[in-house]
C-alpha cells in the first residue's frame, strides 16, 4: 500500500478545508438573504468534504488505479433496485465493472437529532439498494464491489451530551442508553461493518476550540488508515498491483 509522503498533512488540510468551506457557505447564504434551517446551509452547500475526496482519489492513483477509471465530480450515478439511480461521491469503474463506490457525509450542529436519523437511514438505504441491485444482476456478472462510508462529525458539547431515548413498549439496546450522538454515530459505523453493509467505514470527529481546529478517529477500526487499507485491498484484488 502506497500513501502520499504528506499523508498526515493531507488529512489535516482536508479538515481545514471542511471548516473553511462550511463557514463560507453559511456566510454566503446569510449575505444573499437565503437561510437554511439551523446550520443546514453547511450541508446543503456541498463540497465540504472535497479535501477527503481528493485525498482518496490520489491514493487510488498512486496505487495503480488508472485515472480514467476514477469518477468524482461527474458520471457518479449508479442504478439501484428500489430506485432508478443514486449519486455516489467517488466511483471506480473498470471495463464496465464496478470496483469501488464511496459515500462521503458530514454532520454539524446544532440539530443533531433529526439529522442523525436522516444520516443513518440514508446510509442503510443506500447499502440495501446497491447490494440488492448487485444480487439481481443490475451490474452484470462481476465480483462484489467495495463499498465505503466516510463520515465527519462535529465534536462539540451538543454532540457529546447524553441523549435520553424513549421506547414505551420495548427496551432499546443497552449500548444506546444515555449514549451521546457522537457515541451513536460510532456505534452505527461499527455496525455497518459488522453487518457487512459497507466494506469500509471511517468515522472522523472534528471541532474548533479557542480558535484551534482539532480532529480524531475515536475507534481504530474506523480510522482513515484502516479505511484506506481495506480499500487498497480491493484495488489489489482487482487490478493486481
Protein backbone atom coordinates (compact mmCIF):
# COMPACT_ATOMS: atom_id res chain seq x y z
CA UNK A 1 0.00 0.00 0.00
CA UNK A 2 1.39 3.36 -1.05
CA UNK A 3 0.49 6.63 0.66
CA UNK A 4 1.39 10.23 -0.19
CA UNK A 5 4.53 11.38 1.63
CA UNK A 6 2.46 14.13 3.23
CA UNK A 7 -0.43 11.83 4.19
CA UNK A 8 -0.92 13.20 7.72
CA UNK A 9 -0.70 16.77 6.45
CA UNK A 10 -3.29 15.99 3.79
CA UNK A 11 -5.73 14.79 6.44
CA UNK A 12 -5.18 17.99 8.39
CA UNK A 13 -5.67 20.05 5.23
CA UNK A 14 -8.90 18.20 4.45
CA UNK A 15 -10.18 19.05 7.94
CA UNK A 16 -9.15 22.69 7.50
CA UNK A 17 -10.94 22.77 4.14
CA UNK A 18 -14.06 21.26 5.74
CA UNK A 19 -14.28 24.08 8.27
CA UNK A 20 -13.35 26.84 5.82
CA UNK A 21 -15.96 25.68 3.30
CA UNK A 22 -18.63 25.22 5.95
CA UNK A 23 -18.13 28.74 7.28
CA UNK A 24 -18.04 30.20 3.80
CA UNK A 25 -21.28 28.53 2.77
CA UNK A 26 -23.17 29.88 5.77
CA UNK A 27 -21.70 33.36 5.23
CA UNK A 28 -22.68 33.41 1.55
CA UNK A 29 -26.23 32.32 2.33
CA UNK A 30 -26.58 34.98 5.01
CA UNK A 31 -25.25 37.64 2.65
CA UNK A 32 -27.68 36.65 -0.09
CA UNK A 33 -30.65 36.52 2.26
CA UNK A 34 -31.08 32.75 1.88
CA UNK A 35 -31.34 30.95 5.21
CA UNK A 36 -31.48 27.19 5.65
CA UNK A 37 -32.91 25.81 8.87
CA UNK A 38 -30.25 25.93 11.61
CA UNK A 39 -26.81 25.26 10.12
CA UNK A 40 -28.20 23.17 7.32
CA UNK A 41 -26.53 25.53 4.86
CA UNK A 42 -23.25 23.84 5.71
CA UNK A 43 -24.71 20.59 4.45
CA UNK A 44 -26.85 21.67 1.50
CA UNK A 45 -24.00 23.75 0.09
CA UNK A 46 -21.97 20.61 -0.54
CA UNK A 47 -18.25 20.29 -1.29
CA UNK A 48 -17.12 20.44 2.36
CA UNK A 49 -15.52 17.02 2.08
CA UNK A 50 -13.72 17.58 -1.23
CA UNK A 51 -10.39 17.54 0.61
CA UNK A 52 -11.03 13.94 1.63
CA UNK A 53 -12.40 13.01 -1.80
CA UNK A 54 -9.23 14.38 -3.42
CA UNK A 55 -7.03 12.52 -0.92
CA UNK A 56 -8.74 9.18 -1.57
CA UNK A 57 -8.58 9.77 -5.33
CA UNK A 58 -4.83 10.49 -5.15
CA UNK A 59 -4.22 7.37 -3.04
CA UNK A 60 -6.06 5.30 -5.64
CA UNK A 61 -3.90 6.83 -8.37
CA UNK A 62 -0.57 6.12 -6.69
CA UNK A 63 -1.72 2.56 -6.04
CA UNK A 64 -2.19 1.91 -9.73
CA UNK A 65 -5.81 2.75 -10.48
CA UNK A 66 -5.98 4.35 -13.94
CA UNK A 67 -7.16 7.95 -13.84
CA UNK A 68 -9.89 7.25 -16.38
CA UNK A 69 -11.42 4.67 -14.03
CA UNK A 70 -11.96 7.18 -11.19
CA UNK A 71 -15.07 9.36 -11.14
CA UNK A 72 -15.69 12.11 -8.58
CA UNK A 73 -17.34 15.23 -9.98
CA UNK A 74 -19.41 13.74 -12.80
CA UNK A 75 -20.69 10.37 -14.01
CA UNK A 76 -21.13 9.21 -10.41
CA UNK A 77 -24.66 7.82 -10.77
CA UNK A 78 -25.28 4.13 -10.19
CA UNK A 79 -28.51 2.24 -10.91
CA UNK A 80 -30.44 0.83 -7.99
CA UNK A 81 -33.08 -1.77 -7.31
CA UNK A 82 -35.62 0.22 -5.29
CA UNK A 83 -34.99 3.48 -7.17
CA UNK A 84 -33.71 4.31 -10.65
CA UNK A 85 -30.31 5.58 -9.58
CA UNK A 86 -28.28 7.32 -6.89
CA UNK A 87 -25.29 9.64 -6.96
CA UNK A 88 -22.20 8.48 -5.11
CA UNK A 89 -19.22 10.70 -4.31
CA UNK A 90 -16.44 8.54 -5.72
CA UNK A 91 -16.57 5.59 -8.08
CA UNK A 92 -14.00 3.28 -9.60
CA UNK A 93 -15.33 1.59 -12.72
CA UNK A 94 -13.08 -0.57 -14.89
CA UNK A 95 -14.22 -2.19 -18.13
CA UNK A 96 -17.88 -1.89 -17.13
CA UNK A 97 -17.17 -3.44 -13.72
CA UNK A 98 -17.99 -1.54 -10.53
CA UNK A 99 -14.93 -1.82 -8.31
CA UNK A 100 -15.42 0.87 -5.64
CA UNK A 101 -18.26 3.17 -4.55
CA UNK A 102 -17.83 5.62 -1.66
CA UNK A 103 -20.24 7.95 0.09
CA UNK A 104 -18.86 10.97 2.00
CA UNK A 105 -21.15 12.56 4.59
CA UNK A 106 -20.85 15.16 7.34
CA UNK A 107 -22.94 16.23 10.31
CA UNK A 108 -22.65 19.52 12.17
CA UNK A 109 -24.77 21.02 14.92
CA UNK A 110 -26.92 22.23 16.36
CA UNK A 111 -29.68 19.89 15.09
CA UNK A 112 -28.10 16.50 15.73
CA UNK A 113 -31.33 14.62 16.50
CA UNK A 114 -33.26 14.74 13.23
CA UNK A 115 -30.09 14.72 11.17
CA UNK A 116 -28.82 11.59 12.93
CA UNK A 117 -31.94 9.74 11.83
CA UNK A 118 -31.60 11.09 8.29
CA UNK A 119 -27.93 10.13 8.03
CA UNK A 120 -28.43 6.59 9.33
CA UNK A 121 -31.46 5.97 7.12
CA UNK A 122 -29.62 7.28 4.05
CA UNK A 123 -26.63 5.06 4.70
CA UNK A 124 -28.68 1.93 5.33
CA UNK A 125 -30.95 2.63 2.37
CA UNK A 126 -28.03 3.17 0.02
CA UNK A 127 -26.40 -0.08 1.08
CA UNK A 128 -29.64 -2.06 0.77
CA UNK A 129 -30.34 -0.62 -2.67
CA UNK A 130 -26.92 -1.28 -4.19
CA UNK A 131 -26.47 -4.77 -2.71
CA UNK A 132 -29.92 -5.81 -3.88
CA UNK A 133 -29.17 -4.40 -7.33
CA UNK A 134 -25.92 -6.37 -7.35
CA UNK A 135 -27.71 -9.55 -6.33
CA UNK A 136 -30.28 -9.08 -9.08
CA UNK A 137 -27.59 -8.68 -11.73
CA UNK A 138 -28.03 -4.97 -12.40
CA UNK A 139 -24.23 -4.63 -12.72
CA UNK A 140 -23.88 -7.81 -14.70
CA UNK A 141 -21.79 -10.78 -13.65
CA UNK A 142 -18.90 -9.47 -11.56
CA UNK A 143 -17.20 -9.71 -8.17
CA UNK A 144 -18.86 -7.83 -5.32
CA UNK A 145 -17.84 -4.16 -5.32
CA UNK A 146 -16.14 -2.48 -2.36
CA UNK A 147 -18.49 0.00 -0.65
CA UNK A 148 -17.16 2.76 1.60
CA UNK A 149 -18.89 5.10 4.04
CA UNK A 150 -16.90 8.13 5.22
CA UNK A 151 -18.45 10.28 7.96
CA UNK A 152 -17.21 13.51 9.54
CA UNK A 153 -19.00 14.66 12.72
CA UNK A 154 -18.69 17.93 14.59
CA UNK A 155 -17.16 17.29 18.02
CA UNK A 156 -18.82 19.80 20.34
CA UNK A 157 -20.72 19.98 23.62
CA UNK A 158 -24.05 19.12 21.98
CA UNK A 159 -22.74 16.04 20.19
CA UNK A 160 -21.14 14.76 23.42
CA UNK A 161 -24.17 15.18 25.68
CA UNK A 162 -26.01 12.01 26.82
CA UNK A 163 -29.29 11.68 24.96
CA UNK A 164 -32.40 10.23 26.51
CA UNK A 165 -34.18 7.63 24.43
CA UNK A 166 -37.88 6.84 24.72
CA UNK A 167 -39.29 3.41 23.90
CA UNK A 168 -42.54 2.84 25.82
CA UNK A 169 -43.21 -0.71 24.65
CA UNK A 170 -39.87 -2.47 24.35
CA UNK A 171 -36.39 -1.79 25.76
CA UNK A 172 -33.75 -0.33 23.47
CA UNK A 173 -30.35 -1.98 23.13
CA UNK A 174 -28.18 -1.23 26.15
CA UNK A 175 -25.43 0.48 24.15
CA UNK A 176 -27.85 3.24 23.19
CA UNK A 177 -28.95 4.09 26.75
CA UNK A 178 -27.71 7.63 27.52
CA UNK A 179 -25.36 7.47 24.54
CA UNK A 180 -24.40 10.83 23.01
CA UNK A 181 -24.79 11.46 19.29
CA UNK A 182 -21.05 11.04 18.94
CA UNK A 183 -21.32 7.60 20.56
CA UNK A 184 -24.39 6.75 18.49
CA UNK A 185 -22.55 7.51 15.25
CA UNK A 186 -19.58 5.43 16.38
CA UNK A 187 -21.88 2.51 17.19
CA UNK A 188 -23.66 2.95 13.88
CA UNK A 189 -20.50 2.91 11.77
CA UNK A 190 -19.19 -0.12 13.66
CA UNK A 191 -22.43 -1.99 12.99
CA UNK A 192 -22.29 -1.10 9.29
CA UNK A 193 -19.04 -3.06 9.19
CA UNK A 194 -20.24 -5.82 11.50
CA UNK A 195 -23.27 -6.47 9.32
CA UNK A 196 -21.21 -6.06 6.14
CA UNK A 197 -23.43 -3.31 4.84
CA UNK A 198 -20.25 -1.47 3.89
CA UNK A 199 -16.82 -2.89 3.17
CA UNK A 200 -15.10 0.00 4.92
CA UNK A 201 -16.23 2.82 7.20
CA UNK A 202 -14.37 5.86 8.50
CA UNK A 203 -15.65 7.91 11.44
CA UNK A 204 -13.89 11.23 11.96
CA UNK A 205 -14.71 13.81 14.63
CA UNK A 206 -13.57 17.40 14.47
CA UNK A 207 -14.22 20.64 16.27
CA UNK A 208 -12.99 24.14 16.97
CA UNK A 209 -11.85 25.11 20.45
CA UNK A 210 -10.46 28.56 21.27
CA UNK A 211 -9.84 29.15 17.59
CA UNK A 212 -7.92 25.89 17.13
CA UNK A 213 -9.20 23.13 14.86
CA UNK A 214 -8.80 19.58 16.11
CA UNK A 215 -9.80 16.14 14.85
CA UNK A 216 -9.59 12.50 15.87
CA UNK A 217 -10.61 8.96 14.94
CA UNK A 218 -12.36 7.63 18.08
CA UNK A 219 -12.10 3.96 17.11
CA UNK A 220 -9.13 2.30 15.40
CA UNK A 221 -11.16 0.08 13.11
CA UNK A 222 -13.00 3.20 11.91
CA UNK A 223 -9.85 5.25 11.28
CA UNK A 224 -8.91 6.73 7.93
CA UNK A 225 -5.89 4.40 7.74
CA UNK A 226 -8.00 1.25 8.21
CA UNK A 227 -10.50 2.55 5.66
CA UNK A 228 -7.69 3.02 3.14
CA UNK A 229 -6.11 -0.37 3.88
CA UNK A 230 -9.38 -2.12 3.18
CA UNK A 231 -9.97 -0.08 0.02
CA UNK A 232 -6.49 -0.78 -1.35
CA UNK A 233 -7.08 -4.47 -0.70
CA UNK A 234 -9.95 -4.25 -3.18
CA UNK A 235 -7.72 -2.37 -5.62
CA UNK A 236 -5.01 -5.03 -5.43
CA UNK A 237 -7.58 -7.80 -5.84
CA UNK A 238 -8.98 -6.21 -8.98
CA UNK A 239 -6.01 -4.54 -10.67
CA UNK A 240 -3.34 -6.90 -9.36
CA UNK A 241 -0.93 -4.18 -8.19
